[in-house]
N, C-alpha and C. Protein backbone atom coordinates (compact mmCIF):
# COMPACT_ATOMS: atom_id res chain seq x y z
N MET A 1 -18.61 3.47 -31.01
CA MET A 1 -18.70 3.28 -29.58
C MET A 1 -18.02 4.45 -28.88
N SER A 2 -18.62 4.92 -27.80
CA SER A 2 -18.09 6.05 -27.06
C SER A 2 -16.92 5.64 -26.18
N GLU A 3 -15.97 6.55 -26.03
CA GLU A 3 -14.81 6.33 -25.16
C GLU A 3 -15.20 6.69 -23.73
N ILE A 4 -14.81 5.83 -22.79
CA ILE A 4 -15.09 6.09 -21.38
C ILE A 4 -14.15 7.18 -20.89
N ILE A 5 -14.72 8.26 -20.36
CA ILE A 5 -13.88 9.33 -19.84
C ILE A 5 -13.83 9.32 -18.32
N PHE A 6 -14.75 8.59 -17.68
CA PHE A 6 -14.72 8.46 -16.23
C PHE A 6 -15.32 7.11 -15.87
N ASP A 7 -14.61 6.39 -15.01
CA ASP A 7 -15.09 5.11 -14.50
C ASP A 7 -14.98 5.15 -12.98
N PRO A 8 -16.10 4.99 -12.26
CA PRO A 8 -16.05 5.03 -10.79
C PRO A 8 -15.05 4.05 -10.19
N LYS A 9 -14.71 2.98 -10.90
CA LYS A 9 -13.72 2.03 -10.40
C LYS A 9 -12.35 2.68 -10.23
N ASP A 10 -12.10 3.75 -11.01
CA ASP A 10 -10.83 4.47 -10.90
C ASP A 10 -10.66 5.13 -9.53
N LEU A 11 -11.77 5.34 -8.82
CA LEU A 11 -11.72 5.99 -7.52
C LEU A 11 -11.65 5.00 -6.35
N GLU A 12 -11.72 3.71 -6.66
CA GLU A 12 -11.62 2.72 -5.60
C GLU A 12 -10.22 2.78 -4.99
N PRO A 13 -10.13 2.70 -3.65
CA PRO A 13 -8.81 2.78 -3.01
C PRO A 13 -7.89 1.64 -3.46
N ILE A 14 -6.62 1.95 -3.49
CA ILE A 14 -5.59 0.95 -3.75
C ILE A 14 -5.44 0.14 -2.47
N PRO A 15 -5.39 -1.20 -2.56
CA PRO A 15 -5.20 -1.98 -1.33
C PRO A 15 -3.92 -1.57 -0.60
N ALA A 16 -3.98 -1.54 0.71
CA ALA A 16 -2.82 -1.17 1.52
C ALA A 16 -1.64 -2.08 1.19
N GLY A 17 -0.44 -1.51 1.20
CA GLY A 17 0.76 -2.30 0.94
C GLY A 17 1.87 -1.44 0.39
N GLU A 18 2.95 -2.11 -0.02
CA GLU A 18 4.08 -1.43 -0.64
C GLU A 18 4.03 -1.66 -2.14
N TYR A 19 4.28 -0.60 -2.88
CA TYR A 19 4.19 -0.66 -4.33
C TYR A 19 5.41 0.01 -4.97
N ALA A 20 5.91 -0.61 -6.05
CA ALA A 20 6.94 0.03 -6.85
C ALA A 20 6.27 1.17 -7.61
N ALA A 21 6.89 2.35 -7.55
CA ALA A 21 6.29 3.52 -8.18
C ALA A 21 7.40 4.44 -8.68
N ILE A 22 6.98 5.43 -9.47
CA ILE A 22 7.87 6.50 -9.89
C ILE A 22 7.18 7.83 -9.58
N VAL A 23 8.00 8.87 -9.45
CA VAL A 23 7.46 10.21 -9.34
C VAL A 23 7.15 10.69 -10.75
N GLN A 24 5.90 11.02 -10.99
CA GLN A 24 5.50 11.50 -12.31
C GLN A 24 5.60 13.03 -12.39
N LYS A 25 5.30 13.67 -11.27
CA LYS A 25 5.29 15.13 -11.26
C LYS A 25 5.49 15.62 -9.83
N ALA A 26 6.15 16.75 -9.68
CA ALA A 26 6.31 17.39 -8.37
C ALA A 26 6.29 18.89 -8.60
N GLU A 27 5.43 19.58 -7.88
CA GLU A 27 5.36 21.02 -8.04
C GLU A 27 4.96 21.70 -6.73
N PHE A 28 5.47 22.90 -6.56
CA PHE A 28 5.10 23.69 -5.40
C PHE A 28 3.79 24.42 -5.70
N LEU A 29 2.89 24.36 -4.74
CA LEU A 29 1.59 25.02 -4.83
C LEU A 29 1.41 25.88 -3.57
N VAL A 30 0.36 26.68 -3.55
CA VAL A 30 0.06 27.51 -2.39
C VAL A 30 -1.33 27.15 -1.89
N SER A 31 -1.42 26.87 -0.59
CA SER A 31 -2.70 26.51 0.02
C SER A 31 -3.61 27.73 0.13
N LYS A 32 -4.88 27.49 0.45
CA LYS A 32 -5.83 28.59 0.65
C LYS A 32 -5.35 29.53 1.76
N ALA A 33 -4.63 28.96 2.73
CA ALA A 33 -4.12 29.77 3.85
C ALA A 33 -2.86 30.54 3.46
N GLY A 34 -2.36 30.32 2.24
CA GLY A 34 -1.19 31.05 1.78
C GLY A 34 0.13 30.36 2.05
N ASN A 35 0.09 29.09 2.47
CA ASN A 35 1.32 28.35 2.76
C ASN A 35 1.77 27.56 1.54
N LYS A 36 3.05 27.61 1.27
CA LYS A 36 3.64 26.87 0.15
C LYS A 36 3.80 25.41 0.54
N TYR A 37 3.43 24.50 -0.37
CA TYR A 37 3.62 23.07 -0.13
C TYR A 37 4.00 22.38 -1.43
N LEU A 38 4.62 21.22 -1.29
CA LEU A 38 5.05 20.44 -2.45
C LEU A 38 4.06 19.31 -2.68
N CYS A 39 3.49 19.25 -3.87
CA CYS A 39 2.57 18.18 -4.25
C CYS A 39 3.34 17.23 -5.18
N VAL A 40 3.40 15.95 -4.79
CA VAL A 40 4.12 14.94 -5.58
C VAL A 40 3.13 13.88 -6.05
N ASP A 41 3.12 13.62 -7.36
CA ASP A 41 2.26 12.60 -7.95
C ASP A 41 3.08 11.37 -8.28
N PHE A 42 2.61 10.21 -7.82
CA PHE A 42 3.27 8.93 -8.06
C PHE A 42 2.42 8.09 -8.98
N VAL A 43 3.08 7.24 -9.78
CA VAL A 43 2.40 6.24 -10.60
C VAL A 43 2.97 4.88 -10.23
N ILE A 44 2.08 3.93 -9.94
CA ILE A 44 2.50 2.56 -9.64
C ILE A 44 2.95 1.91 -10.94
N ILE A 45 4.11 1.24 -10.91
CA ILE A 45 4.72 0.76 -12.16
C ILE A 45 4.69 -0.75 -12.35
N GLN A 46 4.13 -1.48 -11.39
CA GLN A 46 4.04 -2.92 -11.59
C GLN A 46 2.94 -3.51 -10.71
N GLY A 47 2.59 -4.74 -11.01
CA GLY A 47 1.59 -5.44 -10.21
C GLY A 47 0.16 -5.12 -10.62
N SER A 48 -0.78 -5.60 -9.82
CA SER A 48 -2.20 -5.46 -10.14
C SER A 48 -2.68 -4.02 -10.13
N GLN A 49 -1.95 -3.13 -9.50
CA GLN A 49 -2.35 -1.71 -9.43
C GLN A 49 -1.55 -0.84 -10.41
N GLN A 50 -0.82 -1.49 -11.32
CA GLN A 50 0.02 -0.76 -12.27
C GLN A 50 -0.80 0.30 -13.01
N GLY A 51 -0.22 1.49 -13.12
CA GLY A 51 -0.86 2.58 -13.82
C GLY A 51 -1.70 3.49 -12.93
N LYS A 52 -2.02 3.04 -11.72
CA LYS A 52 -2.80 3.88 -10.81
C LYS A 52 -1.92 4.98 -10.24
N CYS A 53 -2.55 6.12 -9.96
CA CYS A 53 -1.83 7.29 -9.45
C CYS A 53 -2.26 7.61 -8.02
N ILE A 54 -1.35 8.18 -7.28
CA ILE A 54 -1.62 8.65 -5.93
C ILE A 54 -0.72 9.85 -5.66
N SER A 55 -1.21 10.78 -4.88
CA SER A 55 -0.45 12.00 -4.58
C SER A 55 -0.14 12.11 -3.11
N LYS A 56 0.89 12.88 -2.81
CA LYS A 56 1.28 13.18 -1.43
C LYS A 56 1.69 14.63 -1.38
N ASN A 57 1.18 15.33 -0.37
CA ASN A 57 1.55 16.73 -0.15
C ASN A 57 2.55 16.81 0.99
N PHE A 58 3.58 17.61 0.78
CA PHE A 58 4.59 17.86 1.80
C PHE A 58 4.49 19.32 2.20
N HIS A 59 4.05 19.57 3.42
CA HIS A 59 3.83 20.94 3.90
C HIS A 59 5.12 21.48 4.52
N VAL A 60 6.09 21.69 3.67
CA VAL A 60 7.44 22.07 4.11
C VAL A 60 7.54 23.51 4.60
N SER A 61 6.50 24.31 4.38
CA SER A 61 6.49 25.70 4.85
C SER A 61 5.36 25.96 5.84
N ALA A 62 4.82 24.90 6.44
CA ALA A 62 3.70 25.05 7.37
C ALA A 62 4.11 25.92 8.56
N VAL A 63 3.14 26.63 9.10
CA VAL A 63 3.38 27.49 10.26
C VAL A 63 3.66 26.63 11.50
N ASP A 64 2.92 25.54 11.66
CA ASP A 64 3.11 24.65 12.80
C ASP A 64 4.46 23.93 12.67
N THR A 65 5.33 24.15 13.65
CA THR A 65 6.70 23.63 13.61
C THR A 65 6.74 22.12 13.49
N ARG A 66 5.96 21.42 14.29
CA ARG A 66 5.99 19.95 14.27
C ARG A 66 5.52 19.41 12.92
N TYR A 67 4.44 19.97 12.40
CA TYR A 67 3.90 19.55 11.11
C TYR A 67 4.92 19.79 10.00
N ARG A 68 5.59 20.96 10.04
CA ARG A 68 6.61 21.30 9.06
C ARG A 68 7.78 20.32 9.14
N GLN A 69 8.25 20.02 10.36
CA GLN A 69 9.37 19.10 10.54
C GLN A 69 9.02 17.70 10.06
N ASP A 70 7.81 17.22 10.37
CA ASP A 70 7.38 15.89 9.91
C ASP A 70 7.36 15.84 8.38
N SER A 71 6.84 16.88 7.75
CA SER A 71 6.81 16.92 6.28
C SER A 71 8.21 16.93 5.70
N ARG A 72 9.11 17.68 6.31
CA ARG A 72 10.48 17.73 5.81
C ARG A 72 11.19 16.39 5.98
N ARG A 73 10.93 15.70 7.08
CA ARG A 73 11.52 14.36 7.28
C ARG A 73 11.01 13.39 6.21
N GLN A 74 9.71 13.42 5.95
CA GLN A 74 9.15 12.55 4.92
C GLN A 74 9.70 12.87 3.55
N LEU A 75 9.84 14.15 3.25
CA LEU A 75 10.41 14.55 1.96
C LEU A 75 11.87 14.09 1.85
N ALA A 76 12.61 14.17 2.94
CA ALA A 76 14.00 13.70 2.93
C ALA A 76 14.05 12.20 2.63
N ARG A 77 13.11 11.43 3.20
CA ARG A 77 13.05 9.98 2.91
C ARG A 77 12.73 9.73 1.44
N LEU A 78 11.81 10.50 0.90
CA LEU A 78 11.48 10.36 -0.52
C LEU A 78 12.71 10.62 -1.38
N ILE A 79 13.40 11.72 -1.13
CA ILE A 79 14.57 12.08 -1.93
C ILE A 79 15.64 11.01 -1.83
N LYS A 80 15.89 10.52 -0.62
CA LYS A 80 16.89 9.47 -0.43
C LYS A 80 16.47 8.17 -1.12
N SER A 81 15.17 7.86 -1.09
CA SER A 81 14.67 6.65 -1.75
C SER A 81 14.81 6.73 -3.26
N CYS A 82 14.88 7.95 -3.79
CA CYS A 82 15.10 8.15 -5.23
C CYS A 82 16.58 8.09 -5.58
N GLY A 83 17.43 7.87 -4.57
CA GLY A 83 18.86 7.74 -4.81
C GLY A 83 19.60 9.06 -4.85
N ILE A 84 18.98 10.11 -4.34
CA ILE A 84 19.61 11.43 -4.35
C ILE A 84 20.12 11.74 -2.96
N GLU A 85 21.38 12.07 -2.88
CA GLU A 85 22.01 12.43 -1.60
C GLU A 85 22.15 13.93 -1.52
N GLY A 86 21.99 14.47 -0.35
CA GLY A 86 22.19 15.90 -0.15
C GLY A 86 20.94 16.71 -0.40
N ALA A 87 21.12 18.00 -0.50
CA ALA A 87 20.01 18.94 -0.62
C ALA A 87 19.40 18.91 -2.01
N LEU A 88 18.13 19.26 -2.05
CA LEU A 88 17.41 19.37 -3.32
C LEU A 88 16.74 20.74 -3.33
N VAL A 89 17.01 21.52 -4.36
CA VAL A 89 16.38 22.83 -4.48
C VAL A 89 15.25 22.75 -5.50
N GLU A 90 14.36 23.72 -5.44
CA GLU A 90 13.14 23.67 -6.26
C GLU A 90 13.41 23.44 -7.74
N LYS A 91 14.40 24.11 -8.29
CA LYS A 91 14.67 23.97 -9.73
C LYS A 91 15.17 22.56 -10.09
N ASP A 92 15.62 21.79 -9.09
CA ASP A 92 16.12 20.43 -9.34
C ASP A 92 15.06 19.35 -9.14
N LEU A 93 13.81 19.74 -8.88
CA LEU A 93 12.76 18.74 -8.66
C LEU A 93 12.68 17.68 -9.76
N PRO A 94 12.85 18.03 -11.04
CA PRO A 94 12.78 17.00 -12.07
C PRO A 94 13.78 15.85 -11.90
N THR A 95 14.82 16.03 -11.08
CA THR A 95 15.78 14.95 -10.89
C THR A 95 15.18 13.76 -10.16
N ILE A 96 14.02 13.94 -9.49
CA ILE A 96 13.38 12.80 -8.82
C ILE A 96 12.37 12.11 -9.72
N TYR A 97 12.09 12.68 -10.89
CA TYR A 97 11.13 12.08 -11.81
C TYR A 97 11.67 10.75 -12.36
N GLU A 98 10.74 9.83 -12.54
CA GLU A 98 11.02 8.55 -13.19
C GLU A 98 11.99 7.66 -12.41
N LYS A 99 12.32 7.99 -11.18
CA LYS A 99 13.21 7.15 -10.37
C LYS A 99 12.35 6.14 -9.62
N PRO A 100 12.57 4.85 -9.83
CA PRO A 100 11.76 3.84 -9.14
C PRO A 100 12.06 3.79 -7.64
N LEU A 101 11.00 3.66 -6.86
CA LEU A 101 11.11 3.54 -5.41
C LEU A 101 9.90 2.77 -4.90
N LEU A 102 9.93 2.40 -3.63
CA LEU A 102 8.78 1.77 -3.00
C LEU A 102 8.00 2.82 -2.24
N VAL A 103 6.68 2.83 -2.42
CA VAL A 103 5.82 3.70 -1.63
C VAL A 103 4.93 2.81 -0.77
N GLN A 104 4.78 3.19 0.48
CA GLN A 104 3.90 2.46 1.39
C GLN A 104 2.58 3.21 1.44
N ILE A 105 1.50 2.49 1.13
CA ILE A 105 0.17 3.08 1.03
C ILE A 105 -0.74 2.43 2.07
N ILE A 106 -1.56 3.25 2.71
CA ILE A 106 -2.58 2.73 3.62
C ILE A 106 -3.95 3.15 3.10
N GLU A 107 -4.98 2.44 3.55
CA GLU A 107 -6.35 2.85 3.26
C GLU A 107 -6.85 3.67 4.42
N THR A 108 -7.60 4.72 4.10
CA THR A 108 -8.13 5.61 5.14
C THR A 108 -9.47 6.17 4.65
N THR A 109 -10.07 6.99 5.46
CA THR A 109 -11.35 7.61 5.11
C THR A 109 -11.24 9.12 5.34
N ASP A 110 -11.78 9.87 4.39
CA ASP A 110 -11.85 11.32 4.58
C ASP A 110 -13.29 11.76 4.36
N SER A 111 -13.52 13.04 4.22
CA SER A 111 -14.88 13.55 4.08
C SER A 111 -15.56 13.10 2.79
N TYR A 112 -14.79 12.58 1.84
CA TYR A 112 -15.35 12.09 0.58
C TYR A 112 -15.57 10.58 0.59
N GLY A 113 -15.06 9.88 1.61
CA GLY A 113 -15.21 8.43 1.69
C GLY A 113 -13.87 7.73 1.78
N GLU A 114 -13.85 6.49 1.30
CA GLU A 114 -12.63 5.69 1.36
C GLU A 114 -11.59 6.25 0.39
N THR A 115 -10.34 6.26 0.86
CA THR A 115 -9.26 6.80 0.04
C THR A 115 -7.94 6.18 0.49
N ASN A 116 -6.85 6.69 -0.01
CA ASN A 116 -5.51 6.21 0.35
C ASN A 116 -4.66 7.35 0.88
N ALA A 117 -3.57 6.96 1.54
CA ALA A 117 -2.55 7.92 1.97
C ALA A 117 -1.19 7.26 1.79
N VAL A 118 -0.23 8.02 1.32
CA VAL A 118 1.15 7.55 1.23
C VAL A 118 1.80 7.85 2.57
N VAL A 119 2.34 6.81 3.22
CA VAL A 119 2.89 6.99 4.57
C VAL A 119 4.37 6.68 4.68
N GLY A 120 4.99 6.19 3.61
CA GLY A 120 6.41 5.88 3.70
C GLY A 120 7.04 5.64 2.35
N PHE A 121 8.37 5.69 2.36
CA PHE A 121 9.16 5.50 1.14
C PHE A 121 10.39 4.67 1.47
N SER A 122 10.85 3.90 0.50
CA SER A 122 12.13 3.21 0.65
C SER A 122 12.69 2.94 -0.74
N LYS A 123 13.99 2.62 -0.76
CA LYS A 123 14.63 2.31 -2.03
C LYS A 123 14.06 1.02 -2.58
N LEU A 124 13.95 0.95 -3.88
CA LEU A 124 13.51 -0.26 -4.56
C LEU A 124 14.73 -1.08 -4.90
N ARG A 125 14.76 -2.30 -4.44
CA ARG A 125 15.90 -3.20 -4.69
C ARG A 125 15.61 -4.07 -5.90
N GLY A 126 16.59 -4.27 -6.74
CA GLY A 126 16.46 -5.16 -7.88
C GLY A 126 15.67 -4.54 -9.02
N SER A 127 15.25 -5.40 -9.95
CA SER A 127 14.55 -4.95 -11.14
C SER A 127 13.08 -4.71 -10.85
N TYR A 128 12.55 -3.65 -11.41
CA TYR A 128 11.14 -3.38 -11.21
C TYR A 128 10.32 -3.71 -12.43
N GLY A 129 10.91 -4.11 -13.51
CA GLY A 129 10.19 -4.41 -14.72
C GLY A 129 9.66 -5.83 -14.79
N ALA A 130 10.02 -6.66 -13.81
CA ALA A 130 9.63 -8.07 -13.87
C ALA A 130 8.21 -8.29 -13.41
């Protein structure tokens, strides 16, 4: 029997809500316009959506001041939700890996159709393995 390598169900949006998740990966990339941004990949760690992944980009070097400030505020919330106080430098990004937190997800639509967006972060209280 052949192994499934792609299932369209994997692209169905995650229902809006708050989910316990961990940061699986975080890396700085460069946009087509030449702006540096941080791409963070999350994995949901419990519930009916366990194992599903979602990403969030933080445009911390955007030219537009307001957009840059909003991204930096959101990144600060993420870092604090991971239990890290103070500044975080690029080489220390792995310190946010595997730290459980709550991510707030909404459903939205883009040029490809229905999708999700991560809109908030908070500390995860209690055990997440239950």
